[in-house]
Amino acid sequence: MRRRQPTHPPKVIDAGLQSERTYLAWQRTALAFAGVGALLIYGLCRMGAPSPFPAGSDCSSGSSCSPGRNGVTA
């Protein structure tokens, strides 16, 4: 019996697609991190935790995470 010759993959038609897929994957990762971070901050604000932001934003005043006390900014 004859041995089959290994087949080689076809030539790459569009070499630029790999870098584009990588770029899009990093964008999805960054968007996911931002979304999870926003949900964590929102959840902490709903629980009455102190604001993770510098002075000028207070989440402990109620159920909304608005800047300043009662929506009033200084």
PDB file of N, CA and C in Angstrom:
ATOM      1  N   MET A   1       0.826  -1.185   0.000  1.00  0.00           N
ATOM      2  CA  MET A   1       0.000   0.000   0.000  1.00  0.00           C
ATOM      3  C   MET A   1       0.873   1.253   0.000  1.00  0.00           C
ATOM      4  N   ARG A   2       0.386   2.210  -0.705  1.00  0.00           N
ATOM      5  CA  ARG A   2       1.119   3.472  -0.770  1.00  0.00           C
ATOM      6  C   ARG A   2       0.743   4.383   0.380  1.00  0.00           C
ATOM      7  N   ARG A   3       1.712   5.065   0.890  1.00  0.00           N
ATOM      8  CA  ARG A   3       1.457   6.054   1.945  1.00  0.00           C
ATOM      9  C   ARG A   3       0.918   7.337   1.352  1.00  0.00           C
ATOM     10  N   ARG A   4      -0.048   7.906   2.036  1.00  0.00           N
ATOM     11  CA  ARG A   4      -0.599   9.184   1.553  1.00  0.00           C
ATOM     12  C   ARG A   4       0.363  10.315   1.877  1.00  0.00           C
ATOM     13  N   GLN A   5       0.510  11.189   0.955  1.00  0.00           N
ATOM     14  CA  GLN A   5       1.345  12.359   1.174  1.00  0.00           C
ATOM     15  C   GLN A   5       0.584  13.350   2.056  1.00  0.00           C
ATOM     16  N   PRO A   6       1.269  13.968   3.008  1.00  0.00           N
ATOM     17  CA  PRO A   6       0.575  14.952   3.847  1.00  0.00           C
ATOM     18  C   PRO A   6       0.109  16.135   3.001  1.00  0.00           C
ATOM     19  N   THR A   7      -1.084  16.570   3.290  1.00  0.00           N
ATOM     20  CA  THR A   7      -1.602  17.726   2.552  1.00  0.00           C
ATOM     21  C   THR A   7      -1.201  19.004   3.272  1.00  0.00           C
ATOM     22  N   HIS A   8      -0.852  19.971   2.522  1.00  0.00           N
ATOM     23  CA  HIS A   8      -0.472  21.264   3.078  1.00  0.00           C
ATOM     24  C   HIS A   8      -1.690  22.180   3.078  1.00  0.00           C
ATOM     25  N   PRO A   9      -1.782  23.031   4.095  1.00  0.00           N
ATOM     26  CA  PRO A   9      -2.926  23.949   4.109  1.00  0.00           C
ATOM     27  C   PRO A   9      -2.859  24.898   2.910  1.00  0.00           C
ATOM     28  N   PRO A  10      -4.011  25.354   2.456  1.00  0.00           N
ATOM     29  CA  PRO A  10      -3.995  26.290   1.318  1.00  0.00           C
ATOM     30  C   PRO A  10      -3.301  27.586   1.709  1.00  0.00           C
ATOM     31  N   LYS A  11      -2.825  28.284   0.711  1.00  0.00           N
ATOM     32  CA  LYS A  11      -2.151  29.554   0.970  1.00  0.00           C
ATOM     33  C   LYS A  11      -3.129  30.548   1.586  1.00  0.00           C
ATOM     34  N   VAL A  12      -2.578  31.397   2.452  1.00  0.00           N
ATOM     35  CA  VAL A  12      -3.397  32.422   3.099  1.00  0.00           C
ATOM     36  C   VAL A  12      -3.759  33.474   2.068  1.00  0.00           C
ATOM     37  N   ILE A  13      -5.047  33.715   1.924  1.00  0.00           N
ATOM     38  CA  ILE A  13      -5.503  34.678   0.930  1.00  0.00           C
ATOM     39  C   ILE A  13      -5.415  36.098   1.482  1.00  0.00           C
ATOM     40  N   ASP A  14      -5.896  36.278   2.715  1.00  0.00           N
ATOM     41  CA  ASP A  14      -5.921  37.606   3.324  1.00  0.00           C
ATOM     42  C   ASP A  14      -5.173  37.572   4.647  1.00  0.00           C
ATOM     43  N   ALA A  15      -3.912  37.948   4.646  1.00  0.00           N
ATOM     44  CA  ALA A  15      -3.083  37.872   5.852  1.00  0.00           C
ATOM     45  C   ALA A  15      -3.494  38.910   6.887  1.00  0.00           C
ATOM     46  N   GLY A  16      -4.200  39.954   6.506  1.00  0.00           N
ATOM     47  CA  GLY A  16      -4.564  41.015   7.440  1.00  0.00           C
ATOM     48  C   GLY A  16      -5.710  40.670   8.364  1.00  0.00           C
ATOM     49  N   LEU A  17      -6.407  39.578   8.091  1.00  0.00           N
ATOM     50  CA  LEU A  17      -7.570  39.237   8.901  1.00  0.00           C
ATOM     51  C   LEU A  17      -7.198  38.790  10.309  1.00  0.00           C
ATOM     52  N   GLN A  18      -6.057  38.161  10.477  1.00  0.00           N
ATOM     53  CA  GLN A  18      -5.672  37.682  11.799  1.00  0.00           C
ATOM     54  C   GLN A  18      -5.470  38.844  12.764  1.00  0.00           C
ATOM     55  N   SER A  19      -4.791  39.880  12.340  1.00  0.00           N
ATOM     56  CA  SER A  19      -4.573  41.028  13.217  1.00  0.00           C
ATOM     57  C   SER A  19      -5.890  41.748  13.509  1.00  0.00           C
ATOM     58  N   GLU A  20      -6.789  41.765  12.536  1.00  0.00           N
ATOM     59  CA  GLU A  20      -8.086  42.397  12.775  1.00  0.00           C
ATOM     60  C   GLU A  20      -8.899  41.608  13.796  1.00  0.00           C
ATOM     61  N   ARG A  21      -8.863  40.287  13.706  1.00  0.00           N
ATOM     62  CA  ARG A  21      -9.572  39.452  14.686  1.00  0.00           C
ATOM     63  C   ARG A  21      -8.996  39.660  16.083  1.00  0.00           C
ATOM     64  N   THR A  22      -7.668  39.764  16.178  1.00  0.00           N
ATOM     65  CA  THR A  22      -7.023  39.998  17.474  1.00  0.00           C
ATOM     66  C   THR A  22      -7.443  41.341  18.041  1.00  0.00           C
ATOM     67  N   TYR A  23      -7.455  42.360  17.212  1.00  0.00           N
ATOM     68  CA  TYR A  23      -7.866  43.696  17.647  1.00  0.00           C
ATOM     69  C   TYR A  23      -9.311  43.688  18.142  1.00  0.00           C
ATOM     70  N   LEU A  24     -10.189  43.044  17.400  1.00  0.00           N
ATOM     71  CA  LEU A  24     -11.590  42.972  17.811  1.00  0.00           C
ATOM     72  C   LEU A  24     -11.757  42.183  19.104  1.00  0.00           C
ATOM     73  N   ALA A  25     -10.963  41.144  19.289  1.00  0.00           N
ATOM     74  CA  ALA A  25     -11.025  40.364  20.526  1.00  0.00           C
ATOM     75  C   ALA A  25     -10.608  41.216  21.720  1.00  0.00           C
ATOM     76  N   TRP A  26      -9.578  42.036  21.560  1.00  0.00           N
ATOM     77  CA  TRP A  26      -9.162  42.914  22.651  1.00  0.00           C
ATOM     78  C   TRP A  26     -10.217  43.972  22.936  1.00  0.00           C
ATOM     79  N   GLN A  27     -10.886  44.455  21.901  1.00  0.00           N
ATOM     80  CA  GLN A  27     -11.969  45.418  22.117  1.00  0.00           C
ATOM     81  C   GLN A  27     -13.106  44.783  22.909  1.00  0.00           C
ATOM     82  N   ARG A  28     -13.475  43.558  22.570  1.00  0.00           N
ATOM     83  CA  ARG A  28     -14.525  42.858  23.314  1.00  0.00           C
ATOM     84  C   ARG A  28     -14.113  42.650  24.766  1.00  0.00           C
ATOM     85  N   THR A  29     -12.852  42.318  24.993  1.00  0.00           N
ATOM     86  CA  THR A  29     -12.365  42.115  26.355  1.00  0.00           C
ATOM     87  C   THR A  29     -12.442  43.411  27.151  1.00  0.00           C
ATOM     88  N   ALA A  30     -12.003  44.510  26.553  1.00  0.00           N
ATOM     89  CA  ALA A  30     -12.047  45.802  27.243  1.00  0.00           C
ATOM     90  C   ALA A  30     -13.489  46.212  27.546  1.00  0.00           C
ATOM     91  N   LEU A  31     -14.382  45.995  26.609  1.00  0.00           N
ATOM     92  CA  LEU A  31     -15.787  46.329  26.826  1.00  0.00           C
ATOM     93  C   LEU A  31     -16.381  45.474  27.937  1.00  0.00           C
ATOM     94  N   ALA A  32     -16.013  44.207  27.990  1.00  0.00           N
ATOM     95  CA  ALA A  32     -16.506  43.323  29.050  1.00  0.00           C
ATOM     96  C   ALA A  32     -15.996  43.774  30.415  1.00  0.00           C
ATOM     97  N   PHE A  33     -14.708  44.146  30.508  1.00  0.00           N
ATOM     98  CA  PHE A  33     -14.167  44.637  31.774  1.00  0.00           C
ATOM     99  C   PHE A  33     -14.869  45.919  32.210  1.00  0.00           C
ATOM    100  N   ALA A  34     -15.123  46.825  31.275  1.00  0.00           N
ATOM    101  CA  ALA A  34     -15.810  48.076  31.617  1.00  0.00           C
ATOM    102  C   ALA A  34     -17.230  47.789  32.091  1.00  0.00           C
ATOM    103  N   GLY A  35     -17.917  46.874  31.431  1.00  0.00           N
ATOM    104  CA  GLY A  35     -19.281  46.531  31.834  1.00  0.00           C
ATOM    105  C   GLY A  35     -19.343  45.904  33.207  1.00  0.00           C
ATOM    106  N   VAL A  36     -18.435  44.976  33.484  1.00  0.00           N
ATOM    107  CA  VAL A  36     -18.405  44.334  34.799  1.00  0.00           C
ATOM    108  C   VAL A  36     -18.046  45.358  35.870  1.00  0.00           C
ATOM    109  N   GLY A  37     -17.111  46.226  35.576  1.00  0.00           N
ATOM    110  CA  GLY A  37     -16.745  47.280  36.535  1.00  0.00           C
ATOM    111  C   GLY A  37     -17.917  48.194  36.844  1.00  0.00           C
ATOM    112  N   ALA A  38     -18.664  48.584  35.819  1.00  0.00           N
ATOM    113  CA  ALA A  38     -19.830  49.444  36.029  1.00  0.00           C
ATOM    114  C   ALA A  38     -20.886  48.732  36.864  1.00  0.00           C
ATOM    115  N   LEU A  39     -21.102  47.451  36.599  1.00  0.00           N
ATOM    116  CA  LEU A  39     -22.077  46.692  37.391  1.00  0.00           C
ATOM    117  C   LEU A  39     -21.628  46.550  38.846  1.00  0.00           C
ATOM    118  N   LEU A  40     -20.343  46.348  39.070  1.00  0.00           N
ATOM    119  CA  LEU A  40     -19.839  46.261  40.442  1.00  0.00           C
ATOM    120  C   LEU A  40     -20.026  47.574  41.192  1.00  0.00           C
ATOM    121  N   ILE A  41     -19.697  48.680  40.551  1.00  0.00           N
ATOM    122  CA  ILE A  41     -19.859  49.987  41.197  1.00  0.00           C
ATOM    123  C   ILE A  41     -21.332  50.254  41.471  1.00  0.00           C
ATOM    124  N   TYR A  42     -22.184  49.934  40.499  1.00  0.00           N
ATOM    125  CA  TYR A  42     -23.618  50.125  40.690  1.00  0.00           C
ATOM    126  C   TYR A  42     -24.128  49.274  41.859  1.00  0.00           C
ATOM    127  N   GLY A  43     -23.690  48.015  41.912  1.00  0.00           N
ATOM    128  CA  GLY A  43     -24.110  47.134  42.991  1.00  0.00           C
ATOM    129  C   GLY A  43     -23.642  47.617  44.345  1.00  0.00           C
ATOM    130  N   LEU A  44     -22.401  48.111  44.411  1.00  0.00           N
ATOM    131  CA  LEU A  44     -21.900  48.637  45.675  1.00  0.00           C
ATOM    132  C   LEU A  44     -22.676  49.873  46.105  1.00  0.00           C
ATOM    133  N   CYS A  45     -23.021  50.704  45.145  1.00  0.00           N
ATOM    134  CA  CYS A  45     -23.802  51.909  45.471  1.00  0.00           C
ATOM    135  C   CYS A  45     -25.184  51.528  45.978  1.00  0.00           C
ATOM    136  N   ARG A  46     -25.784  50.513  45.382  1.00  0.00           N
ATOM    137  CA  ARG A  46     -27.110  50.076  45.819  1.00  0.00           C
ATOM    138  C   ARG A  46     -27.074  49.504  47.236  1.00  0.00           C
ATOM    139  N   MET A  47     -25.941  48.927  47.634  1.00  0.00           N
ATOM    140  CA  MET A  47     -25.810  48.349  48.967  1.00  0.00           C
ATOM    141  C   MET A  47     -25.474  49.396  50.014  1.00  0.00           C
ATOM    142  N   GLY A  48     -25.194  50.620  49.610  1.00  0.00           N
ATOM    143  CA  GLY A  48     -24.898  51.691  50.549  1.00  0.00           C
ATOM    144  C   GLY A  48     -23.425  51.828  50.868  1.00  0.00           C
ATOM    145  N   ALA A  49     -22.584  51.243  50.090  1.00  0.00           N
ATOM    146  CA  ALA A  49     -21.141  51.362  50.313  1.00  0.00           C
ATOM    147  C   ALA A  49     -20.687  52.773  49.958  1.00  0.00           C
ATOM    148  N   PRO A  50     -19.603  53.223  50.576  1.00  0.00           N
ATOM    149  CA  PRO A  50     -19.092  54.551  50.215  1.00  0.00           C
ATOM    150  C   PRO A  50     -18.653  54.574  48.753  1.00  0.00           C
ATOM    151  N   SER A  51     -18.700  55.743  48.185  1.00  0.00           N
ATOM    152  CA  SER A  51     -18.375  55.901  46.769  1.00  0.00           C
ATOM    153  C   SER A  51     -16.911  55.590  46.504  1.00  0.00           C
ATOM    154  N   PRO A  52     -16.599  54.852  45.433  1.00  0.00           N
ATOM    155  CA  PRO A  52     -15.207  54.591  45.083  1.00  0.00           C
ATOM    156  C   PRO A  52     -14.567  55.773  44.354  1.00  0.00           C
ATOM    157  N   PHE A  53     -15.339  56.820  44.125  1.00  0.00           N
ATOM    158  CA  PHE A  53     -14.859  57.982  43.405  1.00  0.00           C
ATOM    159  C   PHE A  53     -14.415  59.057  44.386  1.00  0.00           C
ATOM    160  N   PRO A  54     -13.607  60.023  43.946  1.00  0.00           N
ATOM    161  CA  PRO A  54     -13.172  61.108  44.824  1.00  0.00           C
ATOM    162  C   PRO A  54     -14.348  61.964  45.293  1.00  0.00           C
ATOM    163  N   ALA A  55     -14.060  62.892  46.168  1.00  0.00           N
ATOM    164  CA  ALA A  55     -15.090  63.768  46.727  1.00  0.00           C
ATOM    165  C   ALA A  55     -15.895  64.411  45.609  1.00  0.00           C
ATOM    166  N   GLY A  56     -17.176  64.584  45.852  1.00  0.00           N
ATOM    167  CA  GLY A  56     -18.049  65.163  44.842  1.00  0.00           C
ATOM    168  C   GLY A  56     -19.083  64.178  44.350  1.00  0.00           C
ATOM    169  N   SER A  57     -18.928  62.918  44.691  1.00  0.00           N
ATOM    170  CA  SER A  57     -19.936  61.941  44.321  1.00  0.00           C
ATOM    171  C   SER A  57     -20.217  61.097  45.553  1.00  0.00           C
ATOM    172  N   ASP A  58     -21.493  60.940  45.861  1.00  0.00           N
ATOM    173  CA  ASP A  58     -21.878  60.227  47.069  1.00  0.00           C
ATOM    174  C   ASP A  58     -22.944  59.212  46.722  1.00  0.00           C
ATOM    175  N   CYS A  59     -22.652  57.934  46.921  1.00  0.00           N
ATOM    176  CA  CYS A  59     -23.606  56.879  46.609  1.00  0.00           C
ATOM    177  C   CYS A  59     -24.404  56.443  47.824  1.00  0.00           C
ATOM    178  N   SER A  60     -24.028  56.903  49.003  1.00  0.00           N
ATOM    179  CA  SER A  60     -24.691  56.430  50.214  1.00  0.00           C
ATOM    180  C   SER A  60     -25.976  57.191  50.518  1.00  0.00           C
ATOM    181  N   SER A  61     -26.370  58.136  49.677  1.00  0.00           N
ATOM    182  CA  SER A  61     -27.541  58.957  49.962  1.00  0.00           C
ATOM    183  C   SER A  61     -28.854  58.286  49.588  1.00  0.00           C
ATOM    184  N   GLY A  62     -28.803  57.151  48.915  1.00  0.00           N
ATOM    185  CA  GLY A  62     -30.043  56.497  48.523  1.00  0.00           C
ATOM    186  C   GLY A  62     -29.796  55.438  47.482  1.00  0.00           C
ATOM    187  N   SER A  63     -30.819  55.181  46.675  1.00  0.00           N
ATOM    188  CA  SER A  63     -30.708  54.100  45.709  1.00  0.00           C
ATOM    189  C   SER A  63     -30.101  54.544  44.390  1.00  0.00           C
ATOM    190  N   SER A  64     -29.891  55.845  44.210  1.00  0.00           N
ATOM    191  CA  SER A  64     -29.317  56.294  42.934  1.00  0.00           C
ATOM    192  C   SER A  64     -27.858  56.677  43.125  1.00  0.00           C
ATOM    193  N   CYS A  65     -27.087  56.483  42.111  1.00  0.00           N
ATOM    194  CA  CYS A  65     -25.674  56.843  42.130  1.00  0.00           C
ATOM    195  C   CYS A  65     -25.492  58.121  41.340  1.00  0.00           C
ATOM    196  N   SER A  66     -25.965  59.217  41.870  1.00  0.00           N
ATOM    197  CA  SER A  66     -25.817  60.485  41.183  1.00  0.00           C
ATOM    198  C   SER A  66     -24.708  61.278  41.835  1.00  0.00           C
ATOM    199  N   PRO A  67     -24.014  62.135  41.080  1.00  0.00           N
ATOM    200  CA  PRO A  67     -22.948  62.922  41.662  1.00  0.00           C
ATOM    201  C   PRO A  67     -23.489  63.908  42.692  1.00  0.00           C
ATOM    202  N   GLY A  68     -22.746  64.114  43.741  1.00  0.00           N
ATOM    203  CA  GLY A  68     -23.155  65.050  44.787  1.00  0.00           C
ATOM    204  C   GLY A  68     -24.250  64.490  45.655  1.00  0.00           C
ATOM    205  N   ARG A  69     -24.629  65.247  46.643  1.00  0.00           N
ATOM    206  CA  ARG A  69     -25.717  64.830  47.529  1.00  0.00           C
ATOM    207  C   ARG A  69     -27.055  65.197  46.916  1.00  0.00           C
ATOM    208  N   ASN A  70     -27.927  64.224  46.852  1.00  0.00           N
ATOM    209  CA  ASN A  70     -29.277  64.403  46.329  1.00  0.00           C
ATOM    210  C   ASN A  70     -29.272  65.006  44.930  1.00  0.00           C
ATOM    211  N   GLY A  71     -28.271  64.663  44.147  1.00  0.00           N
ATOM    212  CA  GLY A  71     -28.213  65.127  42.776  1.00  0.00           C
ATOM    213  C   GLY A  71     -27.634  66.521  42.597  1.00  0.00           C
ATOM    214  N   VAL A  72     -27.210  67.164  43.695  1.00  0.00           N
ATOM    215  CA  VAL A  72     -26.664  68.511  43.611  1.00  0.00           C
ATOM    216  C   VAL A  72     -25.148  68.415  43.610  1.00  0.00           C
ATOM    217  N   THR A  73     -24.524  69.035  42.635  1.00  0.00           N
ATOM    218  CA  THR A  73     -23.063  69.026  42.591  1.00  0.00           C
ATOM    219  C   THR A  73     -22.523  70.293  43.210  1.00  0.00           C
ATOM    220  N   ALA A  74     -21.358  70.190  43.795  1.00  0.00           N
ATOM    221  CA  ALA A  74     -20.757  71.346  44.473  1.00  0.00           C
ATOM    222  C   ALA A  74     -19.970  72.190  43.501  1.00  0.00           C
TER     223      ALA A  74
END
